[in-house]
Amino acid sequence: MAKKTKKSAENITAQTAVPAVETTPATSTPKLIVAQRKFNRWYVYFKGVAPKDNVGCGCKTAKSAMRYMHLLRARYGATISQNIYERLQFEAAREA
């Protein structure tokens, strides 16, 4: 005679069978990457994103800020603000 499984055991197996990965696509609007100079550092961040969801960095030089912008663009598919990028190029040339 086969042993009958308990209802709680059936519920546990049903819960573990559900995939935990979200298959919804990321936001369709690309984020804008900007930089701002504060306290002798370049802060690179997404414009219009809540601080808890934002991934930002304080870079020492304009050249490192440009590299971090390219990293964010490759990683998240964001766009770089053209005005800010040209300003960073000018500052990087001035620092060199």
C-alpha atoms as a PDB file:
ATOM      1  CA  MET A   1       0.000   0.000   0.000  1.00  0.00           C
ATOM      2  CA  ALA A   2       1.430   3.396  -1.033  1.00  0.00           C
ATOM      3  CA  LYS A   3       1.815   6.097   1.559  1.00  0.00           C
ATOM      4  CA  LYS A   4      -0.223   9.214   0.914  1.00  0.00           C
ATOM      5  CA  THR A   5       1.639  12.572   1.009  1.00  0.00           C
ATOM      6  CA  LYS A   6       0.487  15.346   3.277  1.00  0.00           C
ATOM      7  CA  LYS A   7      -1.119  18.514   1.948  1.00  0.00           C
ATOM      8  CA  SER A   8       1.715  20.642   3.379  1.00  0.00           C
ATOM      9  CA  ALA A   9       4.293  18.597   1.461  1.00  0.00           C
ATOM     10  CA  GLU A  10       2.310  19.069  -1.761  1.00  0.00           C
ATOM     11  CA  ASN A  11       2.200  22.836  -1.165  1.00  0.00           C
ATOM     12  CA  ILE A  12       5.963  23.002  -0.589  1.00  0.00           C
ATOM     13  CA  THR A  13       6.712  21.152  -3.826  1.00  0.00           C
ATOM     14  CA  ALA A  14       4.276  23.383  -5.714  1.00  0.00           C
ATOM     15  CA  GLN A  15       5.971  26.517  -4.352  1.00  0.00           C
ATOM     16  CA  THR A  16       9.472  25.351  -5.228  1.00  0.00           C
ATOM     17  CA  ALA A  17       8.415  24.476  -8.770  1.00  0.00           C
ATOM     18  CA  VAL A  18       7.539  28.120  -9.552  1.00  0.00           C
ATOM     19  CA  PRO A  19      10.468  29.877 -11.275  1.00  0.00           C
ATOM     20  CA  ALA A  20      11.903  32.751  -9.242  1.00  0.00           C
ATOM     21  CA  VAL A  21      13.270  34.690 -12.234  1.00  0.00           C
ATOM     22  CA  GLU A  22      11.290  37.655 -13.529  1.00  0.00           C
ATOM     23  CA  THR A  23      10.943  37.565 -17.297  1.00  0.00           C
ATOM     24  CA  THR A  24       9.605  41.095 -17.675  1.00  0.00           C
ATOM     25  CA  PRO A  25      11.771  43.285 -19.905  1.00  0.00           C
ATOM     26  CA  ALA A  26      13.715  46.193 -18.489  1.00  0.00           C
ATOM     27  CA  THR A  27      12.414  49.719 -18.804  1.00  0.00           C
ATOM     28  CA  SER A  28      11.982  50.716 -22.423  1.00  0.00           C
ATOM     29  CA  THR A  29      13.096  54.311 -21.920  1.00  0.00           C
ATOM     30  CA  PRO A  30      16.875  54.627 -21.767  1.00  0.00           C
ATOM     31  CA  LYS A  31      18.351  56.431 -18.813  1.00  0.00           C
ATOM     32  CA  LEU A  32      20.480  59.548 -19.216  1.00  0.00           C
ATOM     33  CA  ILE A  33      23.979  59.512 -17.746  1.00  0.00           C
ATOM     34  CA  VAL A  34      25.196  62.848 -16.380  1.00  0.00           C
ATOM     35  CA  ALA A  35      28.162  64.051 -14.342  1.00  0.00           C
ATOM     36  CA  GLN A  36      28.570  66.903 -11.915  1.00  0.00           C
ATOM     37  CA  ARG A  37      31.633  68.326 -10.225  1.00  0.00           C
ATOM     38  CA  LYS A  38      31.344  68.560  -6.429  1.00  0.00           C
ATOM     39  CA  PHE A  39      34.041  68.760  -3.786  1.00  0.00           C
ATOM     40  CA  ASN A  40      36.859  68.298  -6.327  1.00  0.00           C
ATOM     41  CA  ARG A  41      35.326  65.047  -7.709  1.00  0.00           C
ATOM     42  CA  TRP A  42      33.193  64.153 -10.725  1.00  0.00           C
ATOM     43  CA  TYR A  43      29.972  62.426  -9.680  1.00  0.00           C
ATOM     44  CA  VAL A  44      28.538  60.250 -12.466  1.00  0.00           C
ATOM     45  CA  TYR A  45      24.940  59.090 -12.084  1.00  0.00           C
ATOM     46  CA  PHE A  46      21.622  58.514 -13.867  1.00  0.00           C
ATOM     47  CA  LYS A  47      19.401  61.574 -14.175  1.00  0.00           C
ATOM     48  CA  GLY A  48      15.839  61.238 -12.871  1.00  0.00           C
ATOM     49  CA  VAL A  49      16.364  57.940 -11.027  1.00  0.00           C
ATOM     50  CA  ALA A  50      15.575  57.504  -7.341  1.00  0.00           C
ATOM     51  CA  PRO A  51      18.685  57.531  -5.133  1.00  0.00           C
ATOM     52  CA  LYS A  52      18.078  53.976  -3.891  1.00  0.00           C
ATOM     53  CA  ASP A  53      17.995  52.678  -7.498  1.00  0.00           C
ATOM     54  CA  ASN A  54      20.817  54.867  -8.766  1.00  0.00           C
ATOM     55  CA  VAL A  55      24.292  53.517  -9.402  1.00  0.00           C
ATOM     56  CA  GLY A  56      26.713  56.396  -9.125  1.00  0.00           C
ATOM     57  CA  CYS A  57      30.377  56.951  -8.572  1.00  0.00           C
ATOM     58  CA  GLY A  58      32.678  59.754  -7.487  1.00  0.00           C
ATOM     59  CA  CYS A  59      35.646  59.844  -9.876  1.00  0.00           C
ATOM     60  CA  LYS A  60      38.843  61.760  -9.179  1.00  0.00           C
ATOM     61  CA  THR A  61      39.575  62.825 -12.760  1.00  0.00           C
ATOM     62  CA  ALA A  62      37.513  63.731 -15.798  1.00  0.00           C
ATOM     63  CA  LYS A  63      39.099  60.890 -17.781  1.00  0.00           C
ATOM     64  CA  SER A  64      38.013  58.286 -15.219  1.00  0.00           C
ATOM     65  CA  ALA A  65      34.511  59.802 -15.217  1.00  0.00           C
ATOM     66  CA  MET A  66      34.354  59.344 -19.001  1.00  0.00           C
ATOM     67  CA  ARG A  67      35.410  55.706 -18.622  1.00  0.00           C
ATOM     68  CA  TYR A  68      32.743  55.118 -15.992  1.00  0.00           C
ATOM     69  CA  MET A  69      30.127  56.680 -18.288  1.00  0.00           C
ATOM     70  CA  HIS A  70      31.082  54.213 -21.028  1.00  0.00           C
ATOM     71  CA  LEU A  71      30.849  51.358 -18.536  1.00  0.00           C
ATOM     72  CA  LEU A  72      27.321  52.403 -17.515  1.00  0.00           C
ATOM     73  CA  ARG A  73      26.331  52.750 -21.161  1.00  0.00           C
ATOM     74  CA  ALA A  74      27.545  49.231 -21.944  1.00  0.00           C
ATOM     75  CA  ARG A  75      26.104  47.671 -18.803  1.00  0.00           C
ATOM     76  CA  TYR A  76      22.671  49.308 -18.676  1.00  0.00           C
ATOM     77  CA  GLY A  77      22.093  50.494 -22.244  1.00  0.00           C
ATOM     78  CA  ALA A  78      21.846  54.107 -21.124  1.00  0.00           C
ATOM     79  CA  THR A  79      22.622  57.205 -23.172  1.00  0.00           C
ATOM     80  CA  ILE A  80      25.308  59.751 -22.338  1.00  0.00           C
ATOM     81  CA  SER A  81      24.483  63.440 -22.176  1.00  0.00           C
ATOM     82  CA  GLN A  82      26.372  65.002 -25.089  1.00  0.00           C
ATOM     83  CA  ASN A  83      26.926  68.366 -23.366  1.00  0.00           C
ATOM     84  CA  ILE A  84      28.370  66.752 -20.257  1.00  0.00           C
ATOM     85  CA  TYR A  85      30.562  64.417 -22.315  1.00  0.00           C
ATOM     86  CA  GLU A  86      32.048  67.315 -24.305  1.00  0.00           C
ATOM     87  CA  ARG A  87      32.704  69.186 -21.072  1.00  0.00           C
ATOM     88  CA  LEU A  88      34.470  66.134 -19.638  1.00  0.00           C
ATOM     89  CA  GLN A  89      36.601  65.852 -22.795  1.00  0.00           C
ATOM     90  CA  PHE A  90      37.634  69.491 -22.407  1.00  0.00           C
ATOM     91  CA  GLU A  91      38.484  68.998 -18.714  1.00  0.00           C
ATOM     92  CA  ALA A  92      40.427  65.776 -19.459  1.00  0.00           C
ATOM     93  CA  ALA A  93      42.469  67.551 -22.126  1.00  0.00           C
ATOM     94  CA  ARG A  94      43.127  70.378 -19.716  1.00  0.00           C
ATOM     95  CA  GLU A  95      44.285  67.965 -16.973  1.00  0.00           C
ATOM     96  CA  ALA A  96      46.700  66.123 -19.284  1.00  0.00           C
END
